[in-house]
PDB file of N, CA and C in Angstrom:
ATOM      1  N   MET A   1     -39.697  24.361 -42.993  1.00  0.00           N
ATOM      2  CA  MET A   1     -38.260  24.788 -42.783  1.00  0.00           C
ATOM      3  C   MET A   1     -38.424  26.314 -42.970  1.00  0.00           C
ATOM      4  N   ASN A   2     -37.650  27.096 -42.072  1.00  0.00           N
ATOM      5  CA  ASN A   2     -37.608  28.366 -41.946  1.00  0.00           C
ATOM      6  C   ASN A   2     -36.597  29.043 -42.949  1.00  0.00           C
ATOM      7  N   GLU A   3     -36.497  30.252 -42.947  1.00  0.00           N
ATOM      8  CA  GLU A   3     -35.627  30.879 -44.205  1.00  0.00           C
ATOM      9  C   GLU A   3     -34.096  30.760 -43.672  1.00  0.00           C
ATOM     10  N   LEU A   4     -33.834  30.666 -42.406  1.00  0.00           N
ATOM     11  CA  LEU A   4     -32.405  30.548 -41.968  1.00  0.00           C
ATOM     12  C   LEU A   4     -32.054  29.063 -42.368  1.00  0.00           C
ATOM     13  N   GLN A   5     -32.765  28.213 -42.146  1.00  0.00           N
ATOM     14  CA  GLN A   5     -32.450  26.819 -42.359  1.00  0.00           C
ATOM     15  C   GLN A   5     -32.486  26.506 -44.088  1.00  0.00           C
ATOM     16  N   MET A   6     -33.315  27.243 -44.970  1.00  0.00           N
ATOM     17  CA  MET A   6     -33.062  27.179 -46.125  1.00  0.00           C
ATOM     18  C   MET A   6     -31.766  27.784 -46.658  1.00  0.00           C
ATOM     19  N   TYR A   7     -31.378  28.857 -46.064  1.00  0.00           N
ATOM     20  CA  TYR A   7     -30.116  29.474 -46.383  1.00  0.00           C
ATOM     21  C   TYR A   7     -29.040  28.516 -46.300  1.00  0.00           C
ATOM     22  N   GLU A   8     -28.941  27.907 -44.942  1.00  0.00           N
ATOM     23  CA  GLU A   8     -27.894  27.049 -44.665  1.00  0.00           C
ATOM     24  C   GLU A   8     -27.915  25.958 -45.500  1.00  0.00           C
ATOM     25  N   LEU A   9     -28.983  25.104 -45.630  1.00  0.00           N
ATOM     26  CA  LEU A   9     -28.990  23.999 -46.456  1.00  0.00           C
ATOM     27  C   LEU A   9     -28.786  24.202 -47.877  1.00  0.00           C
ATOM     28  N   SER A  10     -29.124  25.460 -48.338  1.00  0.00           N
ATOM     29  CA  SER A  10     -28.897  25.528 -49.935  1.00  0.00           C
ATOM     30  C   SER A  10     -27.350  25.627 -50.133  1.00  0.00           C
ATOM     31  N   ALA A  11     -26.679  26.479 -49.279  1.00  0.00           N
ATOM     32  CA  ALA A  11     -25.295  26.847 -49.339  1.00  0.00           C
ATOM     33  C   ALA A  11     -24.596  25.297 -49.292  1.00  0.00           C
ATOM     34  N   GLN A  12     -25.076  24.492 -48.268  1.00  0.00           N
ATOM     35  CA  GLN A  12     -24.386  23.171 -48.036  1.00  0.00           C
ATOM     36  C   GLN A  12     -24.439  22.305 -49.165  1.00  0.00           C
ATOM     37  N   ALA A  13     -25.835  22.385 -49.878  1.00  0.00           N
ATOM     38  CA  ALA A  13     -25.853  21.621 -51.110  1.00  0.00           C
ATOM     39  C   ALA A  13     -24.797  21.936 -52.197  1.00  0.00           C
ATOM     40  N   LEU A  14     -24.231  23.072 -52.138  1.00  0.00           N
ATOM     41  CA  LEU A  14     -23.187  23.239 -52.987  1.00  0.00           C
ATOM     42  C   LEU A  14     -21.846  22.620 -52.439  1.00  0.00           C
ATOM     43  N   GLY A  15     -21.942  22.137 -51.169  1.00  0.00           N
ATOM     44  CA  GLY A  15     -20.466  21.610 -50.793  1.00  0.00           C
ATOM     45  C   GLY A  15     -19.848  22.665 -49.898  1.00  0.00           C
ATOM     46  N   TRP A  16     -20.553  23.805 -49.539  1.00  0.00           N
ATOM     47  CA  TRP A  16     -19.764  24.710 -48.847  1.00  0.00           C
ATOM     48  C   TRP A  16     -20.029  24.591 -47.377  1.00  0.00           C
ATOM     49  N   LYS A  17     -18.889  25.200 -46.635  1.00  0.00           N
ATOM     50  CA  LYS A  17     -19.312  25.118 -45.219  1.00  0.00           C
ATOM     51  C   LYS A  17     -19.940  26.419 -44.854  1.00  0.00           C
ATOM     52  N   THR A  18     -20.703  26.459 -43.787  1.00  0.00           N
ATOM     53  CA  THR A  18     -21.436  27.601 -43.574  1.00  0.00           C
ATOM     54  C   THR A  18     -21.206  27.914 -42.076  1.00  0.00           C
ATOM     55  N   LYS A  19     -21.803  29.348 -41.650  1.00  0.00           N
ATOM     56  CA  LYS A  19     -21.801  29.708 -40.335  1.00  0.00           C
ATOM     57  C   LYS A  19     -22.797  30.765 -40.210  1.00  0.00           C
ATOM     58  N   VAL A  20     -23.540  30.873 -39.061  1.00  0.00           N
ATOM     59  CA  VAL A  20     -24.658  31.858 -38.950  1.00  0.00           C
ATOM     60  C   VAL A  20     -24.156  32.790 -37.937  1.00  0.00           C
ATOM     61  N   VAL A  21     -24.214  34.048 -38.214  1.00  0.00           N
ATOM     62  CA  VAL A  21     -23.740  35.157 -37.304  1.00  0.00           C
ATOM     63  C   VAL A  21     -25.070  35.900 -36.950  1.00  0.00           C
ATOM     64  N   ASN A  22     -25.179  36.194 -35.645  1.00  0.00           N
ATOM     65  CA  ASN A  22     -26.243  36.865 -35.096  1.00  0.00           C
ATOM     66  C   ASN A  22     -25.998  38.373 -34.901  1.00  0.00           C
ATOM     67  N   PHE A  23     -26.792  38.993 -35.613  1.00  0.00           N
ATOM     68  CA  PHE A  23     -26.388  40.476 -35.499  1.00  0.00           C
ATOM     69  C   PHE A  23     -27.745  41.082 -34.963  1.00  0.00           C
ATOM     70  N   VAL A  24     -27.970  42.269 -34.567  1.00  0.00           N
ATOM     71  CA  VAL A  24     -29.042  42.906 -33.918  1.00  0.00           C
ATOM     72  C   VAL A  24     -30.384  42.388 -34.600  1.00  0.00           C
ATOM     73  N   ARG A  25     -31.056  41.594 -34.027  1.00  0.00           N
ATOM     74  CA  ARG A  25     -32.368  41.152 -34.322  1.00  0.00           C
ATOM     75  C   ARG A  25     -32.414  40.431 -35.809  1.00  0.00           C
ATOM     76  N   THR A  26     -31.368  39.849 -36.187  1.00  0.00           N
ATOM     77  CA  THR A  26     -31.230  39.231 -37.537  1.00  0.00           C
ATOM     78  C   THR A  26     -30.002  38.207 -37.600  1.00  0.00           C
ATOM     79  N   ASN A  27     -30.309  37.226 -38.153  1.00  0.00           N
ATOM     80  CA  ASN A  27     -29.247  36.223 -38.380  1.00  0.00           C
ATOM     81  C   ASN A  27     -28.796  36.259 -39.930  1.00  0.00           C
ATOM     82  N   ILE A  28     -27.414  36.311 -40.115  1.00  0.00           N
ATOM     83  CA  ILE A  28     -26.847  36.172 -41.305  1.00  0.00           C
ATOM     84  C   ILE A  28     -26.106  34.915 -41.572  1.00  0.00           C
ATOM     85  N   VAL A  29     -26.314  34.410 -42.834  1.00  0.00           N
ATOM     86  CA  VAL A  29     -25.447  33.088 -42.977  1.00  0.00           C
ATOM     87  C   VAL A  29     -24.293  33.512 -44.011  1.00  0.00           C
ATOM     88  N   PHE A  30     -23.172  32.975 -43.626  1.00  0.00           N
ATOM     89  CA  PHE A  30     -21.924  33.165 -44.429  1.00  0.00           C
ATOM     90  C   PHE A  30     -21.475  31.909 -44.983  1.00  0.00           C
ATOM     91  N   TYR A  31     -20.923  31.783 -46.058  1.00  0.00           N
ATOM     92  CA  TYR A  31     -20.519  30.698 -46.808  1.00  0.00           C
ATOM     93  C   TYR A  31     -18.797  30.799 -46.999  1.00  0.00           C
ATOM     94  N   GLN A  32     -18.298  29.613 -47.014  1.00  0.00           N
ATOM     95  CA  GLN A  32     -16.901  29.447 -47.514  1.00  0.00           C
ATOM     96  C   GLN A  32     -16.661  28.479 -48.350  1.00  0.00           C
ATOM     97  N   ARG A  33     -16.106  28.843 -49.576  1.00  0.00           N
ATOM     98  CA  ARG A  33     -15.863  28.040 -50.781  1.00  0.00           C
ATOM     99  C   ARG A  33     -14.732  27.076 -50.502  1.00  0.00           C
ATOM    100  N   ASP A  34     -13.816  27.820 -49.921  1.00  0.00           N
ATOM    101  CA  ASP A  34     -12.552  27.145 -50.073  1.00  0.00           C
ATOM    102  C   ASP A  34     -11.799  27.228 -48.711  1.00  0.00           C
ATOM    103  N   VAL A  35     -11.175  26.034 -48.227  1.00  0.00           N
ATOM    104  CA  VAL A  35     -10.750  25.841 -46.873  1.00  0.00           C
ATOM    105  C   VAL A  35      -9.184  26.299 -46.811  1.00  0.00           C
ATOM    106  N   SER A  36      -8.664  27.257 -47.565  1.00  0.00           N
ATOM    107  CA  SER A  36      -7.419  27.778 -47.400  1.00  0.00           C
ATOM    108  C   SER A  36      -7.058  28.352 -45.939  1.00  0.00           C
ATOM    109  N   PRO A  37      -5.789  28.536 -45.575  1.00  0.00           N
ATOM    110  CA  PRO A  37      -5.204  28.913 -44.473  1.00  0.00           C
ATOM    111  C   PRO A  37      -5.918  30.246 -43.954  1.00  0.00           C
ATOM    112  N   LYS A  38      -6.330  31.208 -44.992  1.00  0.00           N
ATOM    113  CA  LYS A  38      -7.191  32.403 -44.666  1.00  0.00           C
ATOM    114  C   LYS A  38      -8.464  32.223 -45.443  1.00  0.00           C
ATOM    115  N   PRO A  39      -9.399  31.773 -44.681  1.00  0.00           N
ATOM    116  CA  PRO A  39     -10.787  31.483 -45.353  1.00  0.00           C
ATOM    117  C   PRO A  39     -11.452  32.855 -45.656  1.00  0.00           C
ATOM    118  N   ASP A  40     -12.098  32.660 -46.797  1.00  0.00           N
ATOM    119  CA  ASP A  40     -12.631  33.864 -47.241  1.00  0.00           C
ATOM    120  C   ASP A  40     -14.386  33.841 -47.084  1.00  0.00           C
ATOM    121  N   TRP A  41     -14.811  34.097 -45.943  1.00  0.00           N
ATOM    122  CA  TRP A  41     -16.403  34.180 -45.697  1.00  0.00           C
ATOM    123  C   TRP A  41     -17.141  35.270 -46.470  1.00  0.00           C
ATOM    124  N   GLN A  42     -18.206  34.888 -47.126  1.00  0.00           N
ATOM    125  CA  GLN A  42     -18.868  35.608 -47.988  1.00  0.00           C
ATOM    126  C   GLN A  42     -20.445  35.451 -47.535  1.00  0.00           C
ATOM    127  N   GLU A  43     -21.124  36.626 -47.485  1.00  0.00           N
ATOM    128  CA  GLU A  43     -22.499  36.563 -47.158  1.00  0.00           C
ATOM    129  C   GLU A  43     -23.328  35.642 -48.107  1.00  0.00           C
ATOM    130  N   TRP A  44     -24.244  34.898 -47.744  1.00  0.00           N
ATOM    131  CA  TRP A  44     -25.082  34.150 -48.394  1.00  0.00           C
ATOM    132  C   TRP A  44     -26.498  34.577 -48.498  1.00  0.00           C
ATOM    133  N   ASP A  45     -27.016  35.094 -49.554  1.00  0.00           N
ATOM    134  CA  ASP A  45     -28.481  35.610 -49.598  1.00  0.00           C
ATOM    135  C   ASP A  45     -28.974  35.340 -51.089  1.00  0.00           C
ATOM    136  N   PRO A  46     -29.376  34.177 -51.226  1.00  0.00           N
ATOM    137  CA  PRO A  46     -29.768  33.827 -52.530  1.00  0.00           C
ATOM    138  C   PRO A  46     -31.211  34.297 -52.876  1.00  0.00           C
ATOM    139  N   LEU A  47     -31.911  34.660 -51.894  1.00  0.00           N
ATOM    140  CA  LEU A  47     -33.368  34.813 -51.925  1.00  0.00           C
ATOM    141  C   LEU A  47     -33.276  36.437 -52.641  1.00  0.00           C
ATOM    142  N   LYS A  48     -32.162  37.276 -52.294  1.00  0.00           N
ATOM    143  CA  LYS A  48     -32.144  38.598 -52.787  1.00  0.00           C
ATOM    144  C   LYS A  48     -31.049  38.835 -53.861  1.00  0.00           C
ATOM    145  N   ASN A  49     -30.111  37.822 -53.868  1.00  0.00           N
ATOM    146  CA  ASN A  49     -29.069  37.935 -54.977  1.00  0.00           C
ATOM    147  C   ASN A  49     -29.242  37.103 -56.185  1.00  0.00           C
ATOM    148  N   ASP A  50     -29.608  37.640 -57.297  1.00  0.00           N
ATOM    149  CA  ASP A  50     -30.017  36.728 -58.344  1.00  0.00           C
ATOM    150  C   ASP A  50     -28.895  35.711 -58.760  1.00  0.00           C
ATOM    151  N   GLY A  51     -27.578  36.348 -58.676  1.00  0.00           N
ATOM    152  CA  GLY A  51     -26.641  35.546 -59.200  1.00  0.00           C
ATOM    153  C   GLY A  51     -26.370  34.288 -58.275  1.00  0.00           C
ATOM    154  N   GLN A  52     -26.525  34.365 -57.261  1.00  0.00           N
ATOM    155  CA  GLN A  52     -26.365  33.148 -56.231  1.00  0.00           C
ATOM    156  C   GLN A  52     -27.648  32.192 -56.403  1.00  0.00           C
ATOM    157  N   ALA A  53     -28.837  32.677 -56.628  1.00  0.00           N
ATOM    158  CA  ALA A  53     -29.819  31.814 -57.015  1.00  0.00           C
ATOM    159  C   ALA A  53     -29.419  31.058 -58.220  1.00  0.00           C
ATOM    160  N   LEU A  54     -29.056  31.732 -59.309  1.00  0.00           N
ATOM    161  CA  LEU A  54     -28.856  31.105 -60.500  1.00  0.00           C
ATOM    162  C   LEU A  54     -27.512  30.152 -60.533  1.00  0.00           C
ATOM    163  N   LEU A  55     -26.541  30.584 -59.629  1.00  0.00           N
ATOM    164  CA  LEU A  55     -25.616  29.400 -59.284  1.00  0.00           C
ATOM    165  C   LEU A  55     -26.137  28.302 -58.816  1.00  0.00           C
ATOM    166  N   LEU A  56     -27.112  28.377 -57.833  1.00  0.00           N
ATOM    167  CA  LEU A  56     -27.764  27.121 -57.161  1.00  0.00           C
ATOM    168  C   LEU A  56     -28.485  26.416 -58.529  1.00  0.00           C
ATOM    169  N   MET A  57     -28.914  27.101 -59.436  1.00  0.00           N
ATOM    170  CA  MET A  57     -29.857  26.268 -60.391  1.00  0.00           C
ATOM    171  C   MET A  57     -28.931  25.718 -61.315  1.00  0.00           C
ATOM    172  N   ARG A  58     -27.842  26.187 -61.644  1.00  0.00           N
ATOM    173  CA  ARG A  58     -26.775  25.808 -62.635  1.00  0.00           C
ATOM    174  C   ARG A  58     -25.949  24.752 -61.953  1.00  0.00           C
ATOM    175  N   GLU A  59     -25.467  24.907 -60.740  1.00  0.00           N
ATOM    176  CA  GLU A  59     -24.641  23.814 -60.181  1.00  0.00           C
ATOM    177  C   GLU A  59     -25.507  22.411 -59.864  1.00  0.00           C
ATOM    178  N   LEU A  60     -26.592  22.761 -59.305  1.00  0.00           N
ATOM    179  CA  LEU A  60     -27.355  21.575 -58.807  1.00  0.00           C
ATOM    180  C   LEU A  60     -28.262  21.077 -60.086  1.00  0.00           C
ATOM    181  N   ARG A  61     -28.226  21.745 -61.207  1.00  0.00           N
ATOM    182  CA  ARG A  61     -28.889  21.280 -62.245  1.00  0.00           C
ATOM    183  C   ARG A  61     -30.539  21.247 -62.100  1.00  0.00           C
ATOM    184  N   LEU A  62     -31.036  22.444 -61.734  1.00  0.00           N
ATOM    185  CA  LEU A  62     -32.506  22.512 -61.420  1.00  0.00           C
ATOM    186  C   LEU A  62     -33.222  22.976 -62.603  1.00  0.00           C
ATOM    187  N   SER A  63     -34.382  22.345 -62.841  1.00  0.00           N
ATOM    188  CA  SER A  63     -35.208  22.797 -63.887  1.00  0.00           C
ATOM    189  C   SER A  63     -36.290  23.702 -63.228  1.00  0.00           C
ATOM    190  N   VAL A  64     -36.625  24.985 -64.073  1.00  0.00           N
ATOM    191  CA  VAL A  64     -37.557  25.866 -63.439  1.00  0.00           C
ATOM    192  C   VAL A  64     -38.371  26.368 -64.473  1.00  0.00           C
ATOM    193  N   TRP A  65     -39.540  26.372 -64.151  1.00  0.00           N
ATOM    194  CA  TRP A  65     -40.644  27.095 -65.111  1.00  0.00           C
ATOM    195  C   TRP A  65     -41.761  27.531 -64.293  1.00  0.00           C
ATOM    196  N   PRO A  66     -42.564  28.447 -65.096  1.00  0.00           N
ATOM    197  CA  PRO A  66     -43.526  29.114 -64.392  1.00  0.00           C
ATOM    198  C   PRO A  66     -44.740  28.225 -64.733  1.00  0.00           C
ATOM    199  N   ARG A  67     -45.820  28.215 -63.458  1.00  0.00           N
ATOM    200  CA  ARG A  67     -46.991  27.473 -63.705  1.00  0.00           C
ATOM    201  C   ARG A  67     -48.129  28.233 -64.079  1.00  0.00           C
ATOM    202  N   ASP A  68     -49.235  27.812 -64.319  1.00  0.00           N
ATOM    203  CA  ASP A  68     -50.448  28.509 -64.832  1.00  0.00           C
ATOM    204  C   ASP A  68     -50.996  29.460 -63.759  1.00  0.00           C
ATOM    205  N   ASP A  69     -50.650  29.269 -62.476  1.00  0.00           N
ATOM    206  CA  ASP A  69     -51.232  30.039 -61.255  1.00  0.00           C
ATOM    207  C   ASP A  69     -50.292  31.064 -60.912  1.00  0.00           C
ATOM    208  N   ALA A  70     -49.284  31.548 -61.784  1.00  0.00           N
ATOM    209  CA  ALA A  70     -48.334  32.704 -61.479  1.00  0.00           C
ATOM    210  C   ALA A  70     -47.211  32.366 -60.357  1.00  0.00           C
ATOM    211  N   MET A  71     -47.205  31.109 -60.129  1.00  0.00           N
ATOM    212  CA  MET A  71     -46.301  30.480 -59.348  1.00  0.00           C
ATOM    213  C   MET A  71     -45.027  29.894 -60.062  1.00  0.00           C
ATOM    214  N   TRP A  72     -43.791  29.916 -59.598  1.00  0.00           N
ATOM    215  CA  TRP A  72     -42.524  29.233 -60.263  1.00  0.00           C
ATOM    216  C   TRP A  72     -42.346  27.904 -59.575  1.00  0.00           C
ATOM    217  N   ARG A  73     -41.978  26.875 -60.383  1.00  0.00           N
ATOM    218  CA  ARG A  73     -41.691  25.580 -59.862  1.00  0.00           C
ATOM    219  C   ARG A  73     -40.231  25.261 -60.170  1.00  0.00           C
ATOM    220  N   ALA A  74     -39.377  24.780 -59.115  1.00  0.00           N
ATOM    221  CA  ALA A  74     -38.067  24.354 -59.349  1.00  0.00           C
ATOM    222  C   ALA A  74     -37.993  22.937 -58.776  1.00  0.00           C
ATOM    223  N   VAL A  75     -37.291  22.221 -59.682  1.00  0.00           N
ATOM    224  CA  VAL A  75     -37.283  20.739 -59.252  1.00  0.00           C
ATOM    225  C   VAL A  75     -35.812  20.250 -59.859  1.00  0.00           C
ATOM    226  N   PRO A  76     -35.159  19.175 -59.304  1.00  0.00           N
ATOM    227  CA  PRO A  76     -34.041  18.470 -59.865  1.00  0.00           C
ATOM    228  C   PRO A  76     -34.232  18.034 -61.328  1.00  0.00           C
ATOM    229  N   SER A  77     -33.298  18.318 -62.205  1.00  0.00           N
ATOM    230  CA  SER A  77     -33.507  18.092 -63.589  1.00  0.00           C
ATOM    231  C   SER A  77     -33.579  16.497 -64.108  1.00  0.00           C
ATOM    232  N   ASP A  78     -33.157  15.779 -63.120  1.00  0.00           N
ATOM    233  CA  ASP A  78     -33.104  14.315 -63.337  1.00  0.00           C
ATOM    234  C   ASP A  78     -34.382  13.584 -63.287  1.00  0.00           C
ATOM    235  N   ALA A  79     -35.366  14.224 -62.515  1.00  0.00           N
ATOM    236  CA  ALA A  79     -36.660  13.664 -62.410  1.00  0.00           C
ATOM    237  C   ALA A  79     -37.754  14.830 -62.341  1.00  0.00           C
ATOM    238  N   PRO A  80     -37.900  15.785 -63.092  1.00  0.00           N
ATOM    239  CA  PRO A  80     -38.768  16.916 -63.059  1.00  0.00           C
ATOM    240  C   PRO A  80     -40.293  16.618 -62.730  1.00  0.00           C
ATOM    241  N   MET A  81     -40.673  15.428 -63.157  1.00  0.00           N
ATOM    242  CA  MET A  81     -42.146  15.411 -63.185  1.00  0.00           C
ATOM    243  C   MET A  81     -42.519  14.452 -61.856  1.00  0.00           C
ATOM    244  N   VAL A  82     -41.622  13.589 -61.596  1.00  0.00           N
ATOM    245  CA  VAL A  82     -42.003  12.629 -60.410  1.00  0.00           C
ATOM    246  C   VAL A  82     -41.251  12.808 -59.122  1.00  0.00           C
ATOM    247  N   SER A  83     -40.544  13.995 -59.079  1.00  0.00           N
ATOM    248  CA  SER A  83     -39.927  14.240 -57.856  1.00  0.00           C
ATOM    249  C   SER A  83     -40.741  14.785 -56.727  1.00  0.00           C
ATOM    250  N   ASP A  84     -40.349  14.284 -55.431  1.00  0.00           N
ATOM    251  CA  ASP A  84     -41.191  14.861 -54.396  1.00  0.00           C
ATOM    252  C   ASP A  84     -40.423  16.232 -54.005  1.00  0.00           C
ATOM    253  N   ILE A  85     -39.243  16.446 -54.275  1.00  0.00           N
ATOM    254  CA  ILE A  85     -38.638  17.637 -54.110  1.00  0.00           C
ATOM    255  C   ILE A  85     -38.853  18.639 -55.196  1.00  0.00           C
ATOM    256  N   ALA A  86     -39.605  19.623 -54.684  1.00  0.00           N
ATOM    257  CA  ALA A  86     -39.865  20.709 -55.494  1.00  0.00           C
ATOM    258  C   ALA A  86     -40.006  22.301 -54.730  1.00  0.00           C
ATOM    259  N   GLY A  87     -39.528  23.241 -55.242  1.00  0.00           N
ATOM    260  CA  GLY A  87     -39.690  24.331 -54.525  1.00  0.00           C
ATOM    261  C   GLY A  87     -40.775  25.237 -55.607  1.00  0.00           C
ATOM    262  N   VAL A  88     -41.685  25.723 -54.681  1.00  0.00           N
ATOM    263  CA  VAL A  88     -42.801  26.315 -55.367  1.00  0.00           C
ATOM    264  C   VAL A  88     -43.107  27.606 -54.702  1.00  0.00           C
ATOM    265  N   SER A  89     -43.144  28.747 -55.556  1.00  0.00           N
ATOM    266  CA  SER A  89     -43.218  30.106 -54.903  1.00  0.00           C
ATOM    267  C   SER A  89     -43.708  31.080 -56.069  1.00  0.00           C
ATOM    268  N   GLU A  90     -44.227  32.285 -55.632  1.00  0.00           N
ATOM    269  CA  GLU A  90     -44.364  33.421 -56.539  1.00  0.00           C
ATOM    270  C   GLU A  90     -43.124  33.955 -56.792  1.00  0.00           C
ATOM    271  N   ASN A  91     -42.067  33.900 -55.907  1.00  0.00           N
ATOM    272  CA  ASN A  91     -40.781  34.480 -56.207  1.00  0.00           C
ATOM    273  C   ASN A  91     -39.800  33.315 -56.752  1.00  0.00           C
ATOM    274  N   LEU A  92     -39.188  33.713 -57.776  1.00  0.00           N
ATOM    275  CA  LEU A  92     -38.312  32.621 -58.557  1.00  0.00           C
ATOM    276  C   LEU A  92     -37.193  32.105 -57.786  1.00  0.00           C
ATOM    277  N   ASN A  93     -36.444  33.206 -57.004  1.00  0.00           N
ATOM    278  CA  ASN A  93     -35.555  32.891 -56.188  1.00  0.00           C
ATOM    279  C   ASN A  93     -35.792  31.936 -55.005  1.00  0.00           C
ATOM    280  N   ARG A  94     -36.881  32.261 -54.424  1.00  0.00           N
ATOM    281  CA  ARG A  94     -37.390  31.380 -53.330  1.00  0.00           C
ATOM    282  C   ARG A  94     -37.741  29.928 -53.707  1.00  0.00           C
ATOM    283  N   ALA A  95     -38.238  29.721 -55.033  1.00  0.00           N
ATOM    284  CA  ALA A  95     -38.517  28.415 -55.402  1.00  0.00           C
ATOM    285  C   ALA A  95     -37.156  27.696 -55.574  1.00  0.00           C
ATOM    286  N   ILE A  96     -36.243  28.337 -56.137  1.00  0.00           N
ATOM    287  CA  ILE A  96     -34.937  27.765 -56.265  1.00  0.00           C
ATOM    288  C   ILE A  96     -34.202  27.288 -55.076  1.00  0.00           C
ATOM    289  N   VAL A  97     -34.317  28.281 -54.193  1.00  0.00           N
ATOM    290  CA  VAL A  97     -33.559  27.949 -52.667  1.00  0.00           C
ATOM    291  C   VAL A  97     -34.422  26.967 -51.942  1.00  0.00           C
ATOM    292  N   GLU A  98     -35.783  26.905 -51.997  1.00  0.00           N
ATOM    293  CA  GLU A  98     -36.448  25.881 -51.415  1.00  0.00           C
ATOM    294  C   GLU A  98     -36.098  24.590 -52.021  1.00  0.00           C
ATOM    295  N   CYS A  99     -35.932  24.205 -53.308  1.00  0.00           N
ATOM    296  CA  CYS A  99     -35.578  23.138 -53.947  1.00  0.00           C
ATOM    297  C   CYS A  99     -34.143  22.583 -53.548  1.00  0.00           C
ATOM    298  N   ALA A 100     -33.336  23.712 -53.464  1.00  0.00           N
ATOM    299  CA  ALA A 100     -31.771  23.281 -53.282  1.00  0.00           C
ATOM    300  C   ALA A 100     -31.747  22.808 -51.844  1.00  0.00           C
ATOM    301  N   ALA A 101     -32.472  23.513 -50.844  1.00  0.00           N
ATOM    302  CA  ALA A 101     -32.528  23.197 -49.398  1.00  0.00           C
ATOM    303  C   ALA A 101     -33.249  21.769 -49.273  1.00  0.00           C
ATOM    304  N   MET A 102     -34.231  21.632 -49.848  1.00  0.00           N
ATOM    305  CA  MET A 102     -34.933  20.190 -49.916  1.00  0.00           C
ATOM    306  C   MET A 102     -34.088  18.873 -50.339  1.00  0.00           C
ATOM    307  N   MET A 103     -33.254  19.309 -51.392  1.00  0.00           N
ATOM    308  CA  MET A 103     -32.345  18.456 -52.059  1.00  0.00           C
ATOM    309  C   MET A 103     -31.199  18.057 -50.876  1.00  0.00           C
ATOM    310  N   GLN A 104     -30.717  18.933 -50.250  1.00  0.00           N
ATOM    311  CA  GLN A 104     -29.768  18.809 -49.182  1.00  0.00           C
ATOM    312  C   GLN A 104     -30.164  18.018 -48.145  1.00  0.00           C
ATOM    313  N   GLU A 105     -31.409  18.458 -47.680  1.00  0.00           N
ATOM    314  CA  GLU A 105     -32.114  17.833 -46.530  1.00  0.00           C
ATOM    315  C   GLU A 105     -32.377  16.367 -46.756  1.00  0.00           C
ATOM    316  N   ALA A 106     -32.816  16.033 -48.026  1.00  0.00           N
ATOM    317  CA  ALA A 106     -33.011  14.608 -48.625  1.00  0.00           C
ATOM    318  C   ALA A 106     -31.635  13.897 -48.309  1.00  0.00           C
ATOM    319  N   LYS A 107     -30.582  14.700 -48.908  1.00  0.00           N
ATOM    320  CA  LYS A 107     -29.245  13.925 -48.656  1.00  0.00           C
ATOM    321  C   LYS A 107     -28.858  13.581 -47.337  1.00  0.00           C
ATOM    322  N   CYS A 108     -29.038  14.504 -46.549  1.00  0.00           N
ATOM    323  CA  CYS A 108     -28.633  14.454 -45.152  1.00  0.00           C
ATOM    324  C   CYS A 108     -29.526  13.075 -44.398  1.00  0.00           C
ATOM    325  N   LEU A 109     -30.664  12.909 -44.922  1.00  0.00           N
ATOM    326  CA  LEU A 109     -31.503  12.014 -44.256  1.00  0.00           C
ATOM    327  C   LEU A 109     -31.026  10.603 -44.683  1.00  0.00           C
ATOM    328  N   GLN A 110     -30.508  10.612 -45.916  1.00  0.00           N
ATOM    329  CA  GLN A 110     -30.028   9.334 -46.517  1.00  0.00           C
ATOM    330  C   GLN A 110     -28.740   8.775 -45.767  1.00  0.00           C
ATOM    331  N   THR A 111     -28.050   9.681 -45.214  1.00  0.00           N
ATOM    332  CA  THR A 111     -26.682   9.383 -44.753  1.00  0.00           C
ATOM    333  C   THR A 111     -26.961   8.994 -43.201  1.00  0.00           C
TER     334      THR A 111
END
């Protein structure tokens, strides 16, 4: 899964509508929380925005802890030890975003 897919899937895991805008040599993911007549699109960058990463952790009820090998592990709180869904990274935000994206991907595969 590439970074762009992680961004999109993690925002969708929160139930948000997403769109990708291509700027010069980069793609930016925007999200929309509310479907009012005047939609408020905001940039989604949870790898760099700690507040957005913590929002994912809180809303999706993720458990996060450091491992002995200086890596972070993020998993769904309902099954932290048996889950195949886990984000593992040296970067805390990346572990959270990976886990959220994997949860959404698994949800999409079930439907």
